[in-house]
PDB file of N, CA and C in Angstrom:
ATOM      1  N   MET A   1     -10.218 -70.585  53.149  1.00  0.00           N
ATOM      2  CA  MET A   1     -10.433 -70.757  51.765  1.00  0.00           C
ATOM      3  C   MET A   1      -9.488 -71.770  51.091  1.00  0.00           C
ATOM      4  N   ASN A   2     -10.101 -72.177  49.984  1.00  0.00           N
ATOM      5  CA  ASN A   2      -9.232 -73.039  48.991  1.00  0.00           C
ATOM      6  C   ASN A   2      -8.187 -72.539  48.295  1.00  0.00           C
ATOM      7  N   LYS A   3      -7.549 -73.193  47.822  1.00  0.00           N
ATOM      8  CA  LYS A   3      -6.251 -72.802  46.804  1.00  0.00           C
ATOM      9  C   LYS A   3      -6.892 -72.054  45.641  1.00  0.00           C
ATOM     10  N   LYS A   4      -7.924 -72.861  45.160  1.00  0.00           N
ATOM     11  CA  LYS A   4      -8.575 -72.629  43.741  1.00  0.00           C
ATOM     12  C   LYS A   4      -9.032 -71.223  44.068  1.00  0.00           C
ATOM     13  N   ARG A   5      -9.571 -70.914  44.851  1.00  0.00           N
ATOM     14  CA  ARG A   5     -10.753 -69.666  45.075  1.00  0.00           C
ATOM     15  C   ARG A   5      -9.444 -68.574  45.101  1.00  0.00           C
ATOM     16  N   ILE A   6      -8.387 -68.733  45.856  1.00  0.00           N
ATOM     17  CA  ILE A   6      -7.247 -67.489  46.251  1.00  0.00           C
ATOM     18  C   ILE A   6      -6.535 -67.658  44.494  1.00  0.00           C
ATOM     19  N   PHE A   7      -6.344 -68.657  43.751  1.00  0.00           N
ATOM     20  CA  PHE A   7      -5.796 -68.440  42.417  1.00  0.00           C
ATOM     21  C   PHE A   7      -7.009 -67.674  41.441  1.00  0.00           C
ATOM     22  N   LYS A   8      -8.272 -68.169  41.654  1.00  0.00           N
ATOM     23  CA  LYS A   8      -9.256 -67.440  40.961  1.00  0.00           C
ATOM     24  C   LYS A   8      -9.165 -65.897  41.243  1.00  0.00           C
ATOM     25  N   LEU A   9      -8.975 -65.654  42.364  1.00  0.00           N
ATOM     26  CA  LEU A   9      -9.174 -64.259  43.028  1.00  0.00           C
ATOM     27  C   LEU A   9      -7.748 -63.638  42.402  1.00  0.00           C
ATOM     28  N   LEU A  10      -6.567 -64.044  42.586  1.00  0.00           N
ATOM     29  CA  LEU A  10      -5.009 -63.532  41.895  1.00  0.00           C
ATOM     30  C   LEU A  10      -5.378 -63.217  40.814  1.00  0.00           C
ATOM     31  N   VAL A  11      -6.133 -64.037  39.907  1.00  0.00           N
ATOM     32  CA  VAL A  11      -6.220 -64.043  38.490  1.00  0.00           C
ATOM     33  C   VAL A  11      -7.154 -62.764  37.957  1.00  0.00           C
ATOM     34  N   LEU A  12      -8.086 -62.399  38.615  1.00  0.00           N
ATOM     35  CA  LEU A  12      -9.169 -61.508  38.551  1.00  0.00           C
ATOM     36  C   LEU A  12      -8.625 -60.215  38.611  1.00  0.00           C
ATOM     37  N   VAL A  13      -7.700 -59.979  40.404  1.00  0.00           N
ATOM     38  CA  VAL A  13      -6.909 -58.936  40.640  1.00  0.00           C
ATOM     39  C   VAL A  13      -5.644 -58.550  39.380  1.00  0.00           C
ATOM     40  N   LEU A  14      -5.189 -59.643  38.977  1.00  0.00           N
ATOM     41  CA  LEU A  14      -4.399 -58.966  37.998  1.00  0.00           C
ATOM     42  C   LEU A  14      -5.064 -58.735  36.542  1.00  0.00           C
ATOM     43  N   GLY A  15      -5.677 -59.159  36.290  1.00  0.00           N
ATOM     44  CA  GLY A  15      -6.700 -58.888  34.905  1.00  0.00           C
ATOM     45  C   GLY A  15      -7.135 -57.602  34.923  1.00  0.00           C
ATOM     46  N   ILE A  16      -7.604 -57.124  36.036  1.00  0.00           N
ATOM     47  CA  ILE A  16      -8.152 -55.830  36.476  1.00  0.00           C
ATOM     48  C   ILE A  16      -6.920 -55.058  36.077  1.00  0.00           C
ATOM     49  N   TYR A  17      -5.866 -55.455  37.096  1.00  0.00           N
ATOM     50  CA  TYR A  17      -4.851 -54.209  36.853  1.00  0.00           C
ATOM     51  C   TYR A  17      -4.376 -54.429  35.528  1.00  0.00           C
ATOM     52  N   PHE A  18      -4.215 -55.305  34.553  1.00  0.00           N
ATOM     53  CA  PHE A  18      -3.608 -55.049  33.465  1.00  0.00           C
ATOM     54  C   PHE A  18      -4.536 -54.621  32.352  1.00  0.00           C
ATOM     55  N   ILE A  19      -5.737 -54.493  32.756  1.00  0.00           N
ATOM     56  CA  ILE A  19      -7.036 -53.964  31.938  1.00  0.00           C
ATOM     57  C   ILE A  19      -6.821 -52.500  31.742  1.00  0.00           C
ATOM     58  N   VAL A  20      -6.912 -52.183  33.616  1.00  0.00           N
ATOM     59  CA  VAL A  20      -6.706 -50.471  34.060  1.00  0.00           C
ATOM     60  C   VAL A  20      -5.074 -49.920  33.333  1.00  0.00           C
ATOM     61  N   SER A  21      -4.237 -50.918  33.524  1.00  0.00           N
ATOM     62  CA  SER A  21      -2.842 -50.587  32.988  1.00  0.00           C
ATOM     63  C   SER A  21      -3.139 -50.201  31.554  1.00  0.00           C
ATOM     64  N   LEU A  22      -3.756 -51.022  30.354  1.00  0.00           N
ATOM     65  CA  LEU A  22      -3.702 -51.079  29.399  1.00  0.00           C
ATOM     66  C   LEU A  22      -4.673 -49.691  28.692  1.00  0.00           C
ATOM     67  N   LEU A  23      -5.694 -49.667  29.213  1.00  0.00           N
ATOM     68  CA  LEU A  23      -6.791 -48.373  29.315  1.00  0.00           C
ATOM     69  C   LEU A  23      -5.897 -47.030  29.416  1.00  0.00           C
ATOM     70  N   GLN A  24      -4.710 -46.766  30.320  1.00  0.00           N
ATOM     71  CA  GLN A  24      -4.119 -46.102  30.713  1.00  0.00           C
ATOM     72  C   GLN A  24      -3.296 -45.460  29.720  1.00  0.00           C
ATOM     73  N   GLN A  25      -2.805 -46.768  29.037  1.00  0.00           N
ATOM     74  CA  GLN A  25      -1.942 -46.369  27.893  1.00  0.00           C
ATOM     75  C   GLN A  25      -2.560 -45.518  26.642  1.00  0.00           C
ATOM     76  N   ILE A  26      -3.350 -46.572  26.574  1.00  0.00           N
ATOM     77  CA  ILE A  26      -4.511 -45.920  25.308  1.00  0.00           C
ATOM     78  C   ILE A  26      -4.580 -44.409  25.506  1.00  0.00           C
ATOM     79  N   LEU A  27      -5.182 -44.062  26.438  1.00  0.00           N
ATOM     80  CA  LEU A  27      -5.563 -42.704  26.803  1.00  0.00           C
ATOM     81  C   LEU A  27      -4.439 -42.047  26.677  1.00  0.00           C
ATOM     82  N   SER A  28      -3.299 -42.360  27.290  1.00  0.00           N
ATOM     83  CA  SER A  28      -1.953 -41.700  26.810  1.00  0.00           C
ATOM     84  C   SER A  28      -1.262 -41.072  25.523  1.00  0.00           C
ATOM     85  N   LEU A  29      -1.576 -42.671  24.560  1.00  0.00           N
ATOM     86  CA  LEU A  29      -1.308 -42.417  23.142  1.00  0.00           C
ATOM     87  C   LEU A  29      -2.215 -41.520  22.522  1.00  0.00           C
ATOM     88  N   TRP A  30      -3.578 -41.600  22.793  1.00  0.00           N
ATOM     89  CA  TRP A  30      -4.394 -40.599  22.487  1.00  0.00           C
ATOM     90  C   TRP A  30      -3.953 -39.232  22.515  1.00  0.00           C
ATOM     91  N   ARG A  31      -3.533 -38.780  23.774  1.00  0.00           N
ATOM     92  CA  ARG A  31      -3.451 -37.774  24.191  1.00  0.00           C
ATOM     93  C   ARG A  31      -2.188 -37.047  23.241  1.00  0.00           C
ATOM     94  N   ALA A  32      -1.110 -37.789  23.192  1.00  0.00           N
ATOM     95  CA  ALA A  32      -0.098 -37.448  22.508  1.00  0.00           C
ATOM     96  C   ALA A  32      -0.265 -37.255  21.204  1.00  0.00           C
ATOM     97  N   GLU A  33      -1.468 -38.183  20.633  1.00  0.00           N
ATOM     98  CA  GLU A  33      -1.159 -37.844  19.359  1.00  0.00           C
ATOM     99  C   GLU A  33      -2.098 -36.472  18.861  1.00  0.00           C
ATOM    100  N   GLU A  34      -2.685 -36.344  20.195  1.00  0.00           N
ATOM    101  CA  GLU A  34      -3.416 -34.752  19.941  1.00  0.00           C
ATOM    102  C   GLU A  34      -2.371 -33.527  19.880  1.00  0.00           C
ATOM    103  N   ARG A  35      -1.544 -34.090  20.933  1.00  0.00           N
ATOM    104  CA  ARG A  35      -0.469 -32.720  21.106  1.00  0.00           C
ATOM    105  C   ARG A  35       0.600 -32.967  19.328  1.00  0.00           C
ATOM    106  N   ILE A  36       0.629 -33.893  19.006  1.00  0.00           N
ATOM    107  CA  ILE A  36       1.517 -33.858  17.910  1.00  0.00           C
ATOM    108  C   ILE A  36       0.561 -33.086  16.843  1.00  0.00           C
ATOM    109  N   ARG A  37      -0.945 -33.311  16.687  1.00  0.00           N
ATOM    110  CA  ARG A  37      -1.573 -32.531  15.648  1.00  0.00           C
ATOM    111  C   ARG A  37      -1.477 -31.191  15.764  1.00  0.00           C
ATOM    112  N   ILE A  38      -1.854 -30.555  17.151  1.00  0.00           N
ATOM    113  CA  ILE A  38      -1.523 -29.197  17.415  1.00  0.00           C
ATOM    114  C   ILE A  38      -0.389 -28.656  17.282  1.00  0.00           C
ATOM    115  N   ALA A  39       1.064 -29.623  17.345  1.00  0.00           N
ATOM    116  CA  ALA A  39       2.154 -29.210  17.200  1.00  0.00           C
ATOM    117  C   ALA A  39       2.047 -29.017  15.218  1.00  0.00           C
ATOM    118  N   GLN A  40       1.945 -29.862  14.851  1.00  0.00           N
ATOM    119  CA  GLN A  40       1.971 -29.792  13.152  1.00  0.00           C
ATOM    120  C   GLN A  40       1.095 -28.437  12.767  1.00  0.00           C
ATOM    121  N   ARG A  41      -0.182 -28.582  13.490  1.00  0.00           N
ATOM    122  CA  ARG A  41      -0.947 -26.880  13.150  1.00  0.00           C
ATOM    123  C   ARG A  41       0.135 -25.774  13.223  1.00  0.00           C
ATOM    124  N   LYS A  42       0.721 -26.063  14.233  1.00  0.00           N
ATOM    125  CA  LYS A  42       1.495 -24.686  14.722  1.00  0.00           C
ATOM    126  C   LYS A  42       2.717 -24.590  13.743  1.00  0.00           C
ATOM    127  N   VAL A  43       3.373 -25.845  13.112  1.00  0.00           N
ATOM    128  CA  VAL A  43       4.193 -26.257  12.080  1.00  0.00           C
ATOM    129  C   VAL A  43       3.978 -25.343  10.929  1.00  0.00           C
ATOM    130  N   GLU A  44       2.960 -25.554  10.523  1.00  0.00           N
ATOM    131  CA  GLU A  44       2.360 -25.236   9.100  1.00  0.00           C
ATOM    132  C   GLU A  44       1.925 -23.772   9.070  1.00  0.00           C
ATOM    133  N   GLU A  45       1.284 -22.582  10.577  1.00  0.00           N
ATOM    134  CA  GLU A  45       0.887 -21.793  10.842  1.00  0.00           C
ATOM    135  C   GLU A  45       2.644 -20.737  10.666  1.00  0.00           C
ATOM    136  N   ALA A  46       3.650 -21.518  11.133  1.00  0.00           N
ATOM    137  CA  ALA A  46       4.709 -20.899  11.466  1.00  0.00           C
ATOM    138  C   ALA A  46       5.438 -20.787   9.750  1.00  0.00           C
ATOM    139  N   LYS A  47       5.574 -21.860   9.266  1.00  0.00           N
ATOM    140  CA  LYS A  47       5.856 -21.771   7.882  1.00  0.00           C
ATOM    141  C   LYS A  47       5.029 -20.821   6.744  1.00  0.00           C
ATOM    142  N   GLU A  48       3.648 -20.772   6.818  1.00  0.00           N
ATOM    143  CA  GLU A  48       2.963 -19.434   6.110  1.00  0.00           C
ATOM    144  C   GLU A  48       3.583 -18.158   6.440  1.00  0.00           C
ATOM    145  N   LYS A  49       3.552 -17.965   8.049  1.00  0.00           N
ATOM    146  CA  LYS A  49       4.089 -16.643   8.452  1.00  0.00           C
ATOM    147  C   LYS A  49       5.386 -16.501   8.041  1.00  0.00           C
ATOM    148  N   ASN A  50       6.572 -17.632   7.655  1.00  0.00           N
ATOM    149  CA  ASN A  50       7.920 -17.663   7.275  1.00  0.00           C
ATOM    150  C   ASN A  50       7.672 -16.922   5.882  1.00  0.00           C
ATOM    151  N   GLU A  51       6.939 -17.626   4.944  1.00  0.00           N
ATOM    152  CA  GLU A  51       6.903 -17.281   3.587  1.00  0.00           C
ATOM    153  C   GLU A  51       6.366 -15.584   3.636  1.00  0.00           C
ATOM    154  N   GLU A  52       5.371 -15.292   4.056  1.00  0.00           N
ATOM    155  CA  GLU A  52       4.953 -13.983   4.503  1.00  0.00           C
ATOM    156  C   GLU A  52       6.031 -13.385   4.659  1.00  0.00           C
ATOM    157  N   LEU A  53       7.025 -13.483   5.604  1.00  0.00           N
ATOM    158  CA  LEU A  53       8.106 -12.924   6.059  1.00  0.00           C
ATOM    159  C   LEU A  53       9.094 -12.440   4.872  1.00  0.00           C
ATOM    160  N   VAL A  54       9.425 -13.674   4.244  1.00  0.00           N
ATOM    161  CA  VAL A  54      10.415 -13.766   3.174  1.00  0.00           C
ATOM    162  C   VAL A  54       9.982 -12.743   1.882  1.00  0.00           C
ATOM    163  N   GLU A  55       8.593 -13.000   1.614  1.00  0.00           N
ATOM    164  CA  GLU A  55       8.326 -12.425   0.508  1.00  0.00           C
ATOM    165  C   GLU A  55       7.945 -10.518   1.187  1.00  0.00           C
ATOM    166  N   ARG A  56       7.809 -10.164   1.945  1.00  0.00           N
ATOM    167  CA  ARG A  56       7.802  -9.127   2.644  1.00  0.00           C
ATOM    168  C   ARG A  56       9.350  -8.660   2.499  1.00  0.00           C
ATOM    169  N   LEU A  57      10.129  -9.204   2.879  1.00  0.00           N
ATOM    170  CA  LEU A  57      11.715  -9.029   2.959  1.00  0.00           C
ATOM    171  C   LEU A  57      11.995  -8.813   1.324  1.00  0.00           C
ATOM    172  N   LYS A  58      11.591  -9.485   0.430  1.00  0.00           N
ATOM    173  CA  LYS A  58      11.940  -9.513  -1.020  1.00  0.00           C
ATOM    174  C   LYS A  58      11.175  -7.883  -1.026  1.00  0.00           C
ATOM    175  N   TYR A  59      10.294  -7.510  -0.651  1.00  0.00           N
ATOM    176  CA  TYR A  59       9.430  -6.542  -1.074  1.00  0.00           C
ATOM    177  C   TYR A  59      10.339  -5.108  -0.552  1.00  0.00           C
ATOM    178  N   VAL A  60      10.800  -5.452   0.511  1.00  0.00           N
ATOM    179  CA  VAL A  60      11.455  -4.168   1.378  1.00  0.00           C
ATOM    180  C   VAL A  60      13.063  -3.621   0.834  1.00  0.00           C
ATOM    181  N   GLN A  61      13.292  -4.976   0.101  1.00  0.00           N
ATOM    182  CA  GLN A  61      14.290  -4.717  -0.359  1.00  0.00           C
ATOM    183  C   GLN A  61      14.544  -4.328  -1.960  1.00  0.00           C
ATOM    184  N   SER A  62      13.366  -4.309  -2.596  1.00  0.00           N
ATOM    185  CA  SER A  62      13.370  -3.687  -4.097  1.00  0.00           C
ATOM    186  C   SER A  62      13.841  -2.386  -3.921  1.00  0.00           C
ATOM    187  N   GLU A  63      13.731  -1.970  -5.180  1.00  0.00           N
ATOM    188  CA  GLU A  63      13.851  -0.528  -6.053  1.00  0.00           C
ATOM    189  C   GLU A  63      12.548   0.128  -5.620  1.00  0.00           C
ATOM    190  N   GLU A  64      11.344  -0.734  -5.772  1.00  0.00           N
ATOM    191  CA  GLU A  64      10.490   0.214  -6.036  1.00  0.00           C
ATOM    192  C   GLU A  64      10.133   0.377  -4.503  1.00  0.00           C
ATOM    193  N   PHE A  65      10.182  -0.216  -3.326  1.00  0.00           N
ATOM    194  CA  PHE A  65       9.915   0.275  -1.834  1.00  0.00           C
ATOM    195  C   PHE A  65      11.125   1.045  -1.504  1.00  0.00           C
ATOM    196  N   ILE A  66      11.945   1.207  -1.741  1.00  0.00           N
ATOM    197  CA  ILE A  66      13.196   2.409  -1.337  1.00  0.00           C
ATOM    198  C   ILE A  66      12.443   3.650  -2.311  1.00  0.00           C
ATOM    199  N   GLU A  67      12.485   3.297  -3.440  1.00  0.00           N
ATOM    200  CA  GLU A  67      11.727   4.852  -4.173  1.00  0.00           C
ATOM    201  C   GLU A  67      10.799   5.479  -3.284  1.00  0.00           C
ATOM    202  N   LYS A  68       9.832   4.684  -3.053  1.00  0.00           N
ATOM    203  CA  LYS A  68       8.277   4.983  -2.564  1.00  0.00           C
ATOM    204  C   LYS A  68       8.903   5.685  -1.204  1.00  0.00           C
ATOM    205  N   GLU A  69       9.840   5.042  -0.188  1.00  0.00           N
ATOM    206  CA  GLU A  69      10.012   5.477   1.187  1.00  0.00           C
ATOM    207  C   GLU A  69      11.059   6.878   0.861  1.00  0.00           C
ATOM    208  N   VAL A  70      12.066   6.917   0.134  1.00  0.00           N
ATOM    209  CA  VAL A  70      12.368   8.260   0.074  1.00  0.00           C
ATOM    210  C   VAL A  70      11.636   9.592  -0.665  1.00  0.00           C
ATOM    211  N   ARG A  71      10.714   9.172  -1.231  1.00  0.00           N
ATOM    212  CA  ARG A  71       9.681   9.987  -1.551  1.00  0.00           C
ATOM    213  C   ARG A  71       8.321  10.207  -0.424  1.00  0.00           C
ATOM    214  N   ASP A  72       8.105   9.179   0.183  1.00  0.00           N
ATOM    215  CA  ASP A  72       7.111   9.712   1.105  1.00  0.00           C
ATOM    216  C   ASP A  72       7.557   9.964   2.702  1.00  0.00           C
ATOM    217  N   LYS A  73       9.098   9.676   2.925  1.00  0.00           N
ATOM    218  CA  LYS A  73       9.544  10.032   4.350  1.00  0.00           C
ATOM    219  C   LYS A  73      10.490  11.283   4.131  1.00  0.00           C
ATOM    220  N   LEU A  74      11.440  11.329   2.845  1.00  0.00           N
ATOM    221  CA  LEU A  74      12.415  12.708   3.128  1.00  0.00           C
ATOM    222  C   LEU A  74      11.931  13.545   1.829  1.00  0.00           C
ATOM    223  N   GLY A  75      11.061  13.231   1.287  1.00  0.00           N
ATOM    224  CA  GLY A  75      10.399  14.654   0.845  1.00  0.00           C
ATOM    225  C   GLY A  75      11.291  14.459  -0.989  1.00  0.00           C
ATOM    226  N   MET A  76      12.018  13.730  -1.406  1.00  0.00           N
ATOM    227  CA  MET A  76      12.525  13.543  -2.466  1.00  0.00           C
ATOM    228  C   MET A  76      11.724  13.126  -3.656  1.00  0.00           C
ATOM    229  N   GLY A  77      12.459  13.745  -4.566  1.00  0.00           N
ATOM    230  CA  GLY A  77      11.797  13.202  -6.201  1.00  0.00           C
ATOM    231  C   GLY A  77      12.901  12.966  -7.167  1.00  0.00           C
ATOM    232  N   LYS A  78      12.510  12.577  -8.288  1.00  0.00           N
ATOM    233  CA  LYS A  78      13.462  12.116  -9.188  1.00  0.00           C
ATOM    234  C   LYS A  78      14.253  13.240  -9.543  1.00  0.00           C
ATOM    235  N   GLY A  79      15.323  13.123 -10.856  1.00  0.00           N
ATOM    236  CA  GLY A  79      15.600  13.681 -11.748  1.00  0.00           C
ATOM    237  C   GLY A  79      14.644  14.786 -12.510  1.00  0.00           C
ATOM    238  N   GLY A  80      14.349  16.095 -12.347  1.00  0.00           N
ATOM    239  CA  GLY A  80      13.505  16.627 -13.329  1.00  0.00           C
ATOM    240  C   GLY A  80      12.199  16.931 -12.847  1.00  0.00           C
ATOM    241  N   GLU A  81      12.207  16.432 -11.850  1.00  0.00           N
ATOM    242  CA  GLU A  81      10.886  16.586 -10.794  1.00  0.00           C
ATOM    243  C   GLU A  81      10.439  17.283 -10.117  1.00  0.00           C
ATOM    244  N   THR A  82       9.439  18.061  -9.760  1.00  0.00           N
ATOM    245  CA  THR A  82       9.518  19.027  -8.622  1.00  0.00           C
ATOM    246  C   THR A  82       8.465  18.788  -7.527  1.00  0.00           C
ATOM    247  N   VAL A  83       9.330  18.806  -6.307  1.00  0.00           N
ATOM    248  CA  VAL A  83       8.567  18.207  -5.046  1.00  0.00           C
ATOM    249  C   VAL A  83       7.880  19.470  -4.756  1.00  0.00           C
ATOM    250  N   VAL A  84       6.517  19.353  -4.260  1.00  0.00           N
ATOM    251  CA  VAL A  84       5.707  20.695  -3.758  1.00  0.00           C
ATOM    252  C   VAL A  84       5.624  19.712  -2.238  1.00  0.00           C
ATOM    253  N   ILE A  85       5.728  20.537  -1.442  1.00  0.00           N
ATOM    254  CA  ILE A  85       5.311  19.633   0.370  1.00  0.00           C
ATOM    255  C   ILE A  85       4.251  21.014   0.473  1.00  0.00           C
ATOM    256  N   VAL A  86       2.837  20.468   1.140  1.00  0.00           N
ATOM    257  CA  VAL A  86       1.727  21.293   1.626  1.00  0.00           C
ATOM    258  C   VAL A  86       1.916  21.064   2.761  1.00  0.00           C
ATOM    259  N   PRO A  87       1.528  21.828   3.504  1.00  0.00           N
ATOM    260  CA  PRO A  87       1.617  21.843   4.813  1.00  0.00           C
ATOM    261  C   PRO A  87       0.143  21.397   5.190  1.00  0.00           C
ATOM    262  N   LYS A  88       0.475  19.953   6.469  1.00  0.00           N
ATOM    263  CA  LYS A  88      -0.662  19.784   7.011  1.00  0.00           C
ATOM    264  C   LYS A  88      -2.283  20.485   7.253  1.00  0.00           C
ATOM    265  N   ASP A  89      -2.084  21.794   7.869  1.00  0.00           N
ATOM    266  CA  ASP A  89      -2.837  22.281   8.610  1.00  0.00           C
ATOM    267  C   ASP A  89      -3.259  22.782   7.652  1.00  0.00           C
ATOM    268  N   LEU A  90      -3.156  22.864   6.175  1.00  0.00           N
ATOM    269  CA  LEU A  90      -3.960  23.863   4.955  1.00  0.00           C
ATOM    270  C   LEU A  90      -4.593  22.474   4.721  1.00  0.00           C
ATOM    271  N   ILE A  91      -3.858  21.353   4.317  1.00  0.00           N
ATOM    272  CA  ILE A  91      -4.731  20.129   4.402  1.00  0.00           C
ATOM    273  C   ILE A  91      -6.009  20.028   4.614  1.00  0.00           C
ATOM    274  N   GLU A  92      -5.925  20.028   6.245  1.00  0.00           N
ATOM    275  CA  GLU A  92      -6.946  19.465   7.145  1.00  0.00           C
ATOM    276  C   GLU A  92      -7.556  20.323   6.835  1.00  0.00           C
ATOM    277  N   LYS A  93      -7.745  21.982   6.488  1.00  0.00           N
ATOM    278  CA  LYS A  93      -8.654  23.227   6.659  1.00  0.00           C
ATOM    279  C   LYS A  93      -9.450  22.924   5.336  1.00  0.00           C
ATOM    280  N   GLU A  94      -8.662  22.362   4.355  1.00  0.00           N
ATOM    281  CA  GLU A  94      -9.529  22.554   3.313  1.00  0.00           C
ATOM    282  C   GLU A  94     -10.463  21.118   3.183  1.00  0.00           C
ATOM    283  N   ILE A  95      -9.995  20.217   3.873  1.00  0.00           N
ATOM    284  CA  ILE A  95     -10.959  19.083   3.877  1.00  0.00           C
ATOM    285  C   ILE A  95     -12.256  19.109   4.991  1.00  0.00           C
ATOM    286  N   LYS A  96     -11.836  19.803   6.474  1.00  0.00           N
ATOM    287  CA  LYS A  96     -12.794  20.965   7.125  1.00  0.00           C
ATOM    288  C   LYS A  96     -13.864  21.598   6.254  1.00  0.00           C
ATOM    289  N   LYS A  97     -13.171  22.504   5.166  1.00  0.00           N
ATOM    290  CA  LYS A  97     -14.027  23.295   4.443  1.00  0.00           C
ATOM    291  C   LYS A  97     -15.377  22.608   3.290  1.00  0.00           C
ATOM    292  N   ALA A  98     -14.215  21.389   2.847  1.00  0.00           N
ATOM    293  CA  ALA A  98     -15.065  20.805   1.886  1.00  0.00           C
ATOM    294  C   ALA A  98     -16.398  20.130   2.698  1.00  0.00           C
ATOM    295  N   GLN A  99     -16.027  19.732   3.829  1.00  0.00           N
ATOM    296  CA  GLN A  99     -16.931  18.810   4.543  1.00  0.00           C
ATOM    297  C   GLN A  99     -17.966  19.891   4.966  1.00  0.00           C
ATOM    298  N   LYS A 100     -17.803  20.905   5.381  1.00  0.00           N
ATOM    299  CA  LYS A 100     -18.788  22.140   5.621  1.00  0.00           C
ATOM    300  C   LYS A 100     -19.930  22.562   4.393  1.00  0.00           C
ATOM    301  N   GLU A 101     -19.332  22.569   3.491  1.00  0.00           N
ATOM    302  CA  GLU A 101     -20.011  23.094   2.256  1.00  0.00           C
ATOM    303  C   GLU A 101     -20.901  21.851   1.716  1.00  0.00           C
ATOM    304  N   GLU A 102     -22.015  21.701   1.919  1.00  0.00           N
ATOM    305  CA  GLU A 102     -23.034  20.636   1.452  1.00  0.00           C
ATOM    306  C   GLU A 102     -23.925  21.352   0.502  1.00  0.00           C
ATOM    307  N   PRO A 103     -24.065  20.968  -0.461  1.00  0.00           N
ATOM    308  CA  PRO A 103     -24.801  21.878  -1.434  1.00  0.00           C
ATOM    309  C   PRO A 103     -26.562  21.903  -0.730  1.00  0.00           C
ATOM    310  N   GLU A 104     -27.221  22.891  -1.636  1.00  0.00           N
ATOM    311  CA  GLU A 104     -28.243  22.820  -0.793  1.00  0.00           C
ATOM    312  C   GLU A 104     -29.542  21.810  -1.379  1.00  0.00           C
ATOM    313  N   LYS A 105     -30.320  21.289  -0.381  1.00  0.00           N
ATOM    314  CA  LYS A 105     -30.721  20.248  -1.361  1.00  0.00           C
ATOM    315  C   LYS A 105     -32.364  21.029  -1.650  1.00  0.00           C
ATOM    316  N   VAL A 106     -32.469  20.801  -2.935  1.00  0.00           N
ATOM    317  CA  VAL A 106     -33.824  21.446  -3.260  1.00  0.00           C
ATOM    318  C   VAL A 106     -34.571  20.136  -3.549  1.00  0.00           C
ATOM    319  N   PRO A 107     -35.955  20.797  -3.207  1.00  0.00           N
ATOM    320  CA  PRO A 107     -36.884  19.055  -3.269  1.00  0.00           C
ATOM    321  C   PRO A 107     -37.056  19.066  -4.579  1.00  0.00           C
ATOM    322  N   ASN A 108     -37.846  17.486  -4.510  1.00  0.00           N
ATOM    323  CA  ASN A 108     -37.709  16.966  -5.942  1.00  0.00           C
ATOM    324  C   ASN A 108     -38.848  17.780  -6.896  1.00  0.00           C
ATOM    325  N   TRP A 109     -39.965  18.488  -6.063  1.00  0.00           N
ATOM    326  CA  TRP A 109     -41.118  18.977  -6.823  1.00  0.00           C
ATOM    327  C   TRP A 109     -40.406  20.165  -7.725  1.00  0.00           C
ATOM    328  N   ARG A 110     -39.528  20.702  -7.164  1.00  0.00           N
ATOM    329  CA  ARG A 110     -39.421  22.131  -7.203  1.00  0.00           C
ATOM    330  C   ARG A 110     -37.859  21.603  -8.804  1.00  0.00           C
ATOM    331  N   LEU A 111     -37.694  20.403  -8.992  1.00  0.00           N
ATOM    332  CA  LEU A 111     -36.778  20.396  -9.652  1.00  0.00           C
ATOM    333  C   LEU A 111     -37.323  20.053 -10.863  1.00  0.00           C
ATOM    334  N   TRP A 112     -38.249  19.149 -10.930  1.00  0.00           N
ATOM    335  CA  TRP A 112     -39.217  18.778 -12.034  1.00  0.00           C
ATOM    336  C   TRP A 112     -40.013  19.884 -12.701  1.00  0.00           C
ATOM    337  N   LYS A 113     -40.459  21.225 -11.651  1.00  0.00           N
ATOM    338  CA  LYS A 113     -41.171  22.371 -11.882  1.00  0.00           C
ATOM    339  C   LYS A 113     -39.972  22.927 -12.871  1.00  0.00           C
ATOM    340  N   GLU A 114     -38.670  23.116 -12.344  1.00  0.00           N
ATOM    341  CA  GLU A 114     -37.738  23.980 -13.300  1.00  0.00           C
ATOM    342  C   GLU A 114     -37.535  23.110 -15.068  1.00  0.00           C
ATOM    343  N   ALA A 115     -37.306  21.653 -14.770  1.00  0.00           N
ATOM    344  CA  ALA A 115     -37.295  21.054 -15.774  1.00  0.00           C
ATOM    345  C   ALA A 115     -38.323  21.220 -17.027  1.00  0.00           C
ATOM    346  N   PHE A 116     -39.632  21.225 -16.640  1.00  0.00           N
ATOM    347  CA  PHE A 116     -40.621  21.288 -17.371  1.00  0.00           C
ATOM    348  C   PHE A 116     -41.165  23.000 -17.924  1.00  0.00           C
ATOM    349  N   TRP A 117     -40.976  23.926 -16.878  1.00  0.00           N
ATOM    350  CA  TRP A 117     -41.748  25.240 -16.750  1.00  0.00           C
ATOM    351  C   TRP A 117     -40.253  26.184 -16.754  1.00  0.00           C
ATOM    352  N   GLY A 118     -38.762  26.023 -16.758  1.00  0.00           N
ATOM    353  CA  GLY A 118     -38.085  26.481 -16.345  1.00  0.00           C
ATOM    354  C   GLY A 118     -38.272  27.259 -14.854  1.00  0.00           C
ATOM    355  N   SER A 119     -36.687  27.931 -14.473  1.00  0.00           N
ATOM    356  CA  SER A 119     -36.817  28.323 -13.567  1.00  0.00           C
ATOM    357  C   SER A 119     -37.705  30.051 -13.241  1.00  0.00           C
ATOM    358  N   GLU A 120     -37.740  30.230 -12.190  1.00  0.00           N
ATOM    359  CA  GLU A 120     -38.964  31.501 -11.849  1.00  0.00           C
ATOM    360  C   GLU A 120     -37.809  32.511 -12.029  1.00  0.00           C
TER     361      GLU A 120
END
């Protein structure tokens, strides 16, 4: 082979190597850009969650929350109030009773008859 052919072949191989290397770098940058976008989304989500937690903390430290918890969990009331404690089984019994007692279903024709001619 002559020297020109070898030189051309060497330039071609080096050119292909540089092109492949450049494409790999571009692909790597593209992937890094995607990772940055994902990280930014996570940061935004964390900021939103932090804001929610700060608001929740403010509420938990408020007098309103403390009073509600004292009333609900300890069964206490303010001065002058009377606290009534109803047993859970009694509440459940009344709920079941109310669910069982369904009003009698009267046909519409009978309701119209009673409206115009009165009940029998």
